[in-house]
Amino acid sequence: MTAGQSSRGGVVVLVESGPTGEPSAAGLEVQGAARALASGLGCQLVVAFVGVEGAPAACAAARQGADRVYQVAWKKGAGTAEDSMLEAAWLAVQTAAPLAVVLADSLSSRVMAARLAVRMDAELVAGCGLLKVRDGSVQMGRACLSGKGFAQLEWNQARPLVITVAQGAFSPPPARGPIPEAIVLEAPAAVPSRVKVTGEVSPTPEAMGVTEADIVVAGGAGVGGAEGFGLLMELARRLGGTVAASRVAVDRGWMPSNRQVGLTGQSVSPRMYLAVGISGAPQHIAGIRSAGKVVAINQDPRAPIFRVADLAVIGDLHEVIPALLQRLPSSGGVFPGKGD
């Protein structure tokens, strides 16, 4: 423990181990948020990497900034993966006895956070985009009212806290001190689940959340209307992804608000972000800064979106998209999954 740190429970950040042990952009962001919280509270930061048995250990870059590191393995085939992940995470939480637990914000993480909060008898805040300590008080904030409002919250530390932090809202932790060795914990077998998994079905673009997809096809004012999004929906289906929209498209009623990407919508980090008919306003760019590759289709060669695009296609989307669909197989998911 470094000088000035409290001996009371610290902050635990739960990170899902990747297939190579390298930290993901989202994993580093959540560690940055947790590092700031731990520093503000004067306590330790404990990073727990949770993964299937046999997964590579977290590399040095992933352990940077932590005071303690746990590597927790769950046994594949012991109940459902979700149940096994929960038991592994719960082991890390019990071992660390933290003041707060921090996770990245995703559909699966929100389920994990809720189940952990029940076991811990803790407060729960999801989608946190603001997290800071001022005068001993922890202040938080999150978007609400479909992105049109911002709720401010305060934690008095009377009970433990479990939070998920919004993607793109925080920076990775700065380099500091020696990199701790990982303490290996072997999670117990999960309690047999009452849910029996008989198979997996890929979700349709309408059902898949914009923060969950590896491929996001987003439309803006240039799509021209709700009919134009039908083309994007088919393209997303062929690619195995989902559809998103700019604020202009949402405000015009072409897509629901839960599909909005940008500063007042959601931040996304897919492997590929395909921006169709989106000019590239700063508010929209703020929501895609964690995307892997950005492909932009726009008729205006001076569109700001091209400044951040890895591939720029200058042309009419109503000609480009049908031509692209002709070259794609009719079945979805032509791209390999994460880690492939």
Protein backbone atom coordinates (compact mmCIF):
# COMPACT_ATOMS: atom_id res chain seq x y z
CA MET A 1 0.00 0.00 0.00
CA THR A 2 1.42 3.39 -0.97
CA ALA A 3 1.70 6.35 1.36
CA GLY A 4 -1.55 8.20 1.95
CA GLN A 5 -3.80 5.26 1.09
CA SER A 6 -6.48 4.17 3.53
CA SER A 7 -6.52 0.65 4.93
CA ARG A 8 -10.28 0.48 4.44
CA GLY A 9 -11.85 -1.37 1.49
CA GLY A 10 -10.67 -0.18 -1.88
CA VAL A 11 -12.16 0.09 -5.34
CA VAL A 12 -12.46 -3.08 -7.43
CA VAL A 13 -12.65 -2.83 -11.20
CA LEU A 14 -13.88 -5.97 -12.95
CA VAL A 15 -12.44 -6.50 -16.42
CA GLU A 16 -13.29 -9.39 -18.71
CA SER A 17 -10.07 -11.05 -19.86
CA GLY A 18 -9.50 -10.88 -23.59
CA PRO A 19 -8.28 -13.77 -25.78
CA THR A 20 -4.69 -12.47 -25.81
CA GLY A 21 -4.41 -10.81 -22.40
CA GLU A 22 -4.17 -7.39 -24.05
CA PRO A 23 -6.41 -4.69 -22.58
CA SER A 24 -9.34 -3.48 -24.68
CA ALA A 25 -10.08 0.23 -25.12
CA ALA A 26 -13.19 -0.14 -22.94
CA GLY A 27 -11.22 -2.06 -20.30
CA LEU A 28 -8.61 0.68 -20.05
CA GLU A 29 -11.28 3.38 -19.83
CA VAL A 30 -13.04 1.68 -16.92
CA GLN A 31 -9.69 1.27 -15.17
CA GLY A 32 -9.09 5.00 -15.62
CA ALA A 33 -12.44 5.82 -14.02
CA ALA A 34 -11.76 3.44 -11.12
CA ARG A 35 -8.22 4.79 -10.65
CA ALA A 36 -9.56 8.35 -10.29
CA LEU A 37 -12.19 7.16 -7.79
CA ALA A 38 -9.64 5.23 -5.70
CA SER A 39 -7.23 8.17 -5.67
CA GLY A 40 -9.99 10.55 -4.61
CA LEU A 41 -11.03 8.25 -1.77
CA GLY A 42 -7.44 7.57 -0.71
CA CYS A 43 -7.73 3.80 -1.07
CA GLN A 44 -6.35 0.97 -3.18
CA LEU A 45 -7.33 0.10 -6.72
CA VAL A 46 -7.82 -3.64 -7.19
CA VAL A 47 -8.12 -4.85 -10.79
CA ALA A 48 -9.76 -8.26 -11.20
CA PHE A 49 -9.47 -9.93 -14.59
CA VAL A 50 -12.22 -12.50 -15.01
CA GLY A 51 -12.05 -15.09 -17.78
CA VAL A 52 -12.57 -18.69 -18.73
CA GLU A 53 -10.14 -21.27 -17.37
CA GLY A 54 -7.02 -21.43 -19.56
CA ALA A 55 -7.31 -17.87 -20.90
CA PRO A 56 -4.03 -15.91 -21.17
CA ALA A 57 -3.05 -13.90 -18.11
CA ALA A 58 -3.44 -10.14 -18.24
CA CYS A 59 -0.35 -8.52 -19.75
CA ALA A 60 1.70 -5.81 -18.04
CA ALA A 61 -0.13 -3.00 -19.88
CA ALA A 62 -3.46 -4.26 -18.55
CA ARG A 63 -2.11 -4.32 -14.96
CA GLN A 64 -0.70 -0.80 -15.15
CA GLY A 65 -2.09 1.56 -12.52
CA ALA A 66 -3.35 -1.14 -10.14
CA ASP A 67 -2.30 -1.60 -6.52
CA ARG A 68 -3.40 -5.24 -6.52
CA VAL A 69 -4.34 -7.58 -9.35
CA TYR A 70 -6.45 -10.74 -9.30
CA GLN A 71 -6.68 -13.21 -12.17
CA VAL A 72 -9.89 -15.20 -11.69
CA ALA A 73 -10.72 -18.24 -13.81
CA TRP A 74 -14.18 -19.70 -14.15
CA LYS A 75 -14.71 -23.28 -15.20
CA LYS A 76 -16.24 -23.63 -18.62
CA GLY A 77 -19.34 -25.78 -18.61
CA ALA A 78 -20.20 -25.15 -14.96
CA GLY A 79 -23.72 -23.79 -15.36
CA THR A 80 -24.18 -21.05 -17.94
CA ALA A 81 -21.30 -18.72 -18.82
CA GLU A 82 -23.13 -15.85 -17.14
CA ASP A 83 -23.51 -17.79 -13.88
CA SER A 84 -19.86 -18.84 -13.95
CA MET A 85 -18.71 -15.28 -14.66
CA LEU A 86 -20.80 -14.05 -11.74
CA GLU A 87 -19.25 -16.58 -9.33
CA ALA A 88 -15.74 -15.62 -10.49
CA ALA A 89 -16.49 -11.91 -10.06
CA TRP A 90 -18.09 -12.55 -6.68
CA LEU A 91 -14.96 -14.38 -5.50
CA ALA A 92 -12.84 -11.33 -6.38
CA VAL A 93 -15.29 -9.00 -4.62
CA GLN A 94 -15.38 -11.14 -1.47
CA THR A 95 -11.58 -11.33 -1.41
CA ALA A 96 -11.12 -7.56 -1.76
CA ALA A 97 -14.11 -6.45 0.38
CA PRO A 98 -14.32 -3.15 -1.55
CA LEU A 99 -16.08 0.14 -1.01
CA ALA A 100 -17.03 0.21 -4.68
CA VAL A 101 -17.09 -2.08 -7.71
CA VAL A 102 -16.70 -0.61 -11.21
CA LEU A 103 -17.52 -2.26 -14.56
CA ALA A 104 -17.73 -1.11 -18.16
CA ASP A 105 -21.26 -0.34 -19.31
CA SER A 106 -22.77 -3.00 -21.56
CA LEU A 107 -25.87 -5.16 -21.47
CA SER A 108 -24.04 -8.14 -19.94
CA SER A 109 -22.17 -5.91 -17.47
CA ARG A 110 -25.40 -4.29 -16.28
CA VAL A 111 -26.81 -7.74 -15.53
CA MET A 112 -23.60 -8.64 -13.67
CA ALA A 113 -23.65 -5.33 -11.78
CA ALA A 114 -27.26 -5.80 -10.67
CA ARG A 115 -26.62 -9.33 -9.41
CA LEU A 116 -23.49 -8.24 -7.54
CA ALA A 117 -25.32 -5.28 -5.99
CA VAL A 118 -27.96 -7.61 -4.59
CA ARG A 119 -25.33 -9.88 -3.02
CA MET A 120 -23.43 -6.89 -1.61
CA ASP A 121 -26.53 -5.00 -0.45
CA ALA A 122 -25.07 -2.10 -2.42
CA GLU A 123 -26.22 1.00 -4.27
CA LEU A 124 -26.33 0.63 -8.07
CA VAL A 125 -25.69 3.28 -10.74
CA ALA A 126 -25.66 2.29 -14.43
CA GLY A 127 -24.26 4.24 -17.37
CA CYS A 128 -22.22 6.69 -15.30
CA GLY A 129 -20.57 9.38 -17.44
CA LEU A 130 -19.28 11.63 -14.65
CA LEU A 131 -17.38 10.37 -11.62
CA LYS A 132 -15.33 12.56 -9.29
CA VAL A 133 -14.55 13.06 -5.61
CA ARG A 134 -14.95 16.54 -4.14
CA ASP A 135 -14.56 17.38 -0.44
CA GLY A 136 -14.91 13.70 0.47
CA SER A 137 -18.16 13.31 -1.47
CA VAL A 138 -18.43 11.16 -4.59
CA GLN A 139 -20.36 12.95 -7.33
CA MET A 140 -21.74 11.06 -10.31
CA GLY A 141 -23.78 11.85 -13.38
CA ARG A 142 -25.52 9.96 -16.16
CA ALA A 143 -27.58 10.77 -19.23
CA CYS A 144 -31.35 10.44 -18.87
CA LEU A 145 -34.58 11.26 -20.73
CA SER A 146 -33.23 9.72 -23.94
CA GLY A 147 -30.11 11.83 -23.78
CA LYS A 148 -31.95 15.13 -23.37
CA GLY A 149 -31.17 15.41 -19.64
CA PHE A 150 -28.35 14.71 -17.23
CA ALA A 151 -28.98 13.30 -13.75
CA GLN A 152 -26.57 14.21 -10.95
CA LEU A 153 -26.14 11.81 -8.03
CA GLU A 154 -24.09 11.70 -4.85
CA TRP A 155 -22.75 8.73 -2.88
CA ASN A 156 -22.23 9.14 0.87
CA GLN A 157 -20.41 5.79 1.29
CA ALA A 158 -22.95 4.55 3.85
CA ARG A 159 -23.38 1.42 1.71
CA PRO A 160 -21.11 -0.12 -0.95
CA LEU A 161 -21.51 1.09 -4.53
CA VAL A 162 -21.64 -0.83 -7.82
CA ILE A 163 -21.42 1.26 -10.98
CA THR A 164 -21.09 0.75 -14.71
CA VAL A 165 -19.30 3.56 -16.55
CA ALA A 166 -20.26 4.78 -20.01
CA GLN A 167 -17.91 3.98 -22.87
CA GLY A 168 -15.92 6.92 -24.14
CA ALA A 169 -16.47 9.00 -20.99
CA PHE A 170 -13.13 8.31 -19.28
CA SER A 171 -9.44 8.12 -20.16
CA PRO A 172 -7.07 5.20 -19.49
CA PRO A 173 -5.13 5.38 -16.20
CA PRO A 174 -1.76 7.15 -16.27
CA ALA A 175 1.41 5.10 -15.85
CA ARG A 176 2.38 4.94 -12.19
CA GLY A 177 4.63 2.88 -9.92
CA PRO A 178 5.61 -0.77 -10.23
CA ILE A 179 3.32 -3.19 -12.04
CA PRO A 180 1.96 -5.74 -9.53
CA GLU A 181 1.99 -9.47 -10.15
CA ALA A 182 -1.39 -11.11 -10.59
CA ILE A 183 -2.76 -13.21 -7.72
CA VAL A 184 -4.50 -16.24 -9.19
CA LEU A 185 -7.91 -17.14 -7.78
CA GLU A 186 -9.80 -20.22 -8.89
CA ALA A 187 -13.52 -19.59 -8.88
CA PRO A 188 -15.83 -22.29 -7.57
CA ALA A 189 -18.19 -24.04 -9.91
CA ALA A 190 -21.34 -22.03 -10.48
CA VAL A 191 -24.54 -23.17 -8.85
CA PRO A 192 -26.45 -25.21 -11.45
CA SER A 193 -28.67 -22.82 -13.36
CA ARG A 194 -32.39 -23.37 -13.79
CA VAL A 195 -31.93 -22.09 -17.34
CA LYS A 196 -30.89 -24.66 -19.91
CA VAL A 197 -29.17 -23.28 -23.02
CA THR A 198 -30.26 -25.33 -26.02
CA GLY A 199 -28.66 -23.15 -28.70
CA GLU A 200 -27.71 -19.67 -29.76
CA VAL A 201 -29.47 -17.44 -32.29
CA SER A 202 -27.82 -14.28 -33.61
CA PRO A 203 -29.94 -11.22 -32.78
CA THR A 204 -31.49 -9.20 -35.57
CA PRO A 205 -30.26 -5.63 -36.15
CA GLU A 206 -33.45 -4.37 -34.47
CA ALA A 207 -32.78 -6.41 -31.32
CA MET A 208 -29.01 -5.88 -30.96
CA GLY A 209 -27.95 -2.89 -28.84
CA VAL A 210 -25.68 -0.29 -30.44
CA THR A 211 -23.07 -0.72 -27.69
CA GLU A 212 -23.06 -4.52 -28.04
CA ALA A 213 -22.40 -4.89 -31.77
CA ASP A 214 -19.04 -5.47 -33.45
CA ILE A 215 -20.40 -3.82 -36.61
CA VAL A 216 -22.50 -0.64 -36.47
CA VAL A 217 -24.16 0.85 -39.56
CA ALA A 218 -25.23 4.40 -38.73
CA GLY A 219 -27.36 6.77 -40.78
CA GLY A 220 -27.72 10.53 -40.71
CA ALA A 221 -29.64 13.28 -42.47
CA GLY A 222 -28.25 12.15 -45.82
CA VAL A 223 -30.22 8.89 -45.61
CA GLY A 224 -33.27 10.95 -46.54
CA GLY A 225 -35.94 9.32 -44.41
CA ALA A 226 -37.17 6.21 -42.63
CA GLU A 227 -37.24 4.33 -45.94
CA GLY A 228 -33.51 4.85 -46.39
CA PHE A 229 -32.88 3.15 -43.07
CA GLY A 230 -34.41 0.01 -44.57
CA LEU A 231 -31.31 -0.26 -46.78
CA LEU A 232 -29.06 0.23 -43.75
CA MET A 233 -30.99 -2.40 -41.81
CA GLU A 234 -30.42 -4.94 -44.57
CA LEU A 235 -26.74 -4.05 -44.78
CA ALA A 236 -26.40 -4.45 -41.01
CA ARG A 237 -28.13 -7.84 -41.20
CA ARG A 238 -25.72 -9.03 -43.91
CA LEU A 239 -22.72 -7.86 -41.88
CA GLY A 240 -23.98 -9.35 -38.62
CA GLY A 241 -24.27 -5.95 -36.95
CA THR A 242 -26.86 -3.39 -35.92
CA VAL A 243 -28.16 0.03 -36.97
CA ALA A 244 -27.56 3.38 -35.28
CA ALA A 245 -28.40 6.98 -36.11
CA SER A 246 -27.23 10.54 -35.69
CA ARG A 247 -29.16 13.02 -33.56
CA VAL A 248 -30.67 14.63 -36.65
CA ALA A 249 -32.10 11.31 -37.83
CA VAL A 250 -33.53 10.62 -34.36
CA ASP A 251 -35.00 14.12 -34.01
CA ARG A 252 -36.77 13.67 -37.35
CA GLY A 253 -38.34 10.45 -36.10
CA TRP A 254 -36.57 8.15 -38.52
CA MET A 255 -35.04 6.02 -35.75
CA PRO A 256 -35.79 5.60 -32.01
CA SER A 257 -33.73 7.50 -29.46
CA ASN A 258 -32.04 4.34 -28.11
CA ARG A 259 -30.25 4.13 -31.49
CA GLN A 260 -28.67 7.59 -31.22
CA VAL A 261 -24.88 7.80 -31.18
CA GLY A 262 -23.06 10.90 -30.05
CA LEU A 263 -22.49 13.24 -27.15
CA THR A 264 -26.18 13.30 -26.21
CA GLY A 265 -26.71 9.67 -27.19
CA GLN A 266 -24.51 6.63 -26.67
CA SER A 267 -20.79 6.10 -27.12
CA VAL A 268 -19.87 2.99 -29.11
CA SER A 269 -16.68 1.01 -29.68
CA PRO A 270 -17.35 -1.49 -32.48
CA ARG A 271 -14.64 -3.03 -34.61
CA MET A 272 -16.17 -1.23 -37.60
CA TYR A 273 -18.40 1.86 -37.67
CA LEU A 274 -20.02 2.54 -41.05
CA ALA A 275 -21.27 6.15 -41.19
CA VAL A 276 -23.78 6.64 -44.01
CA GLY A 277 -25.02 10.12 -44.88
CA ILE A 278 -23.55 11.53 -41.65
CA SER A 279 -21.78 14.88 -41.96
CA GLY A 280 -19.63 14.36 -38.88
CA ALA A 281 -20.56 17.05 -36.35
CA PRO A 282 -18.28 17.16 -33.26
CA GLN A 283 -21.17 15.90 -31.09
CA HIS A 284 -21.38 12.76 -33.22
CA ILE A 285 -17.62 12.22 -33.47
CA ALA A 286 -17.45 12.26 -29.64
CA GLY A 287 -19.54 9.09 -29.58
CA ILE A 288 -17.35 7.06 -31.97
CA ARG A 289 -13.83 7.90 -30.79
CA SER A 290 -13.37 4.33 -29.46
CA ALA A 291 -14.43 2.68 -32.73
CA GLY A 292 -11.88 0.41 -34.37
CA LYS A 293 -12.27 1.35 -38.05
CA VAL A 294 -14.52 4.10 -39.41
CA VAL A 295 -15.91 3.85 -42.94
CA ALA A 296 -17.80 6.90 -44.25
CA ILE A 297 -20.15 7.16 -47.24
CA ASN A 298 -21.17 10.70 -48.17
CA GLN A 299 -21.81 12.73 -51.32
CA ASP A 300 -20.05 15.80 -49.94
CA PRO A 301 -16.27 15.46 -50.33
CA ARG A 302 -15.81 18.18 -47.68
CA ALA A 303 -17.87 16.39 -45.01
CA PRO A 304 -16.05 16.51 -41.64
CA ILE A 305 -16.66 12.78 -41.15
CA PHE A 306 -13.92 12.10 -43.71
CA ARG A 307 -11.33 13.60 -41.36
CA VAL A 308 -11.75 10.69 -38.95
CA ALA A 309 -12.59 7.99 -41.50
CA ASP A 310 -10.17 5.15 -42.25
CA LEU A 311 -11.96 4.63 -45.57
CA ALA A 312 -13.86 7.38 -47.41
CA VAL A 313 -16.44 6.64 -50.09
CA ILE A 314 -17.68 9.73 -51.94
CA GLY A 315 -20.96 8.84 -53.60
CA ASP A 316 -24.73 8.46 -53.41
CA LEU A 317 -25.58 5.96 -50.69
CA HIS A 318 -28.63 4.86 -52.71
CA GLU A 319 -26.20 3.63 -55.36
CA VAL A 320 -23.33 2.51 -53.13
CA ILE A 321 -25.34 0.44 -50.62
CA PRO A 322 -27.33 -1.61 -53.22
CA ALA A 323 -24.06 -2.32 -55.06
CA LEU A 324 -22.48 -3.43 -51.80
CA LEU A 325 -25.46 -5.65 -50.96
CA GLN A 326 -25.07 -7.44 -54.29
CA ARG A 327 -21.56 -8.49 -53.26
CA LEU A 328 -22.51 -9.72 -49.79
CA PRO A 329 -23.96 -13.16 -48.97
CA SER A 330 -27.62 -13.18 -47.93
CA SER A 331 -26.82 -14.75 -44.54
CA GLY A 332 -25.66 -12.47 -41.73
CA GLY A 333 -22.34 -12.34 -39.92
CA VAL A 334 -19.78 -12.29 -42.74
CA PHE A 335 -17.12 -10.96 -40.34
CA PRO A 336 -15.39 -13.17 -37.75
CA GLY A 337 -16.27 -12.70 -34.10
CA LYS A 338 -14.25 -10.93 -31.44
CA GLY A 339 -10.79 -12.29 -31.01
CA ASP A 340 -10.83 -14.21 -34.32
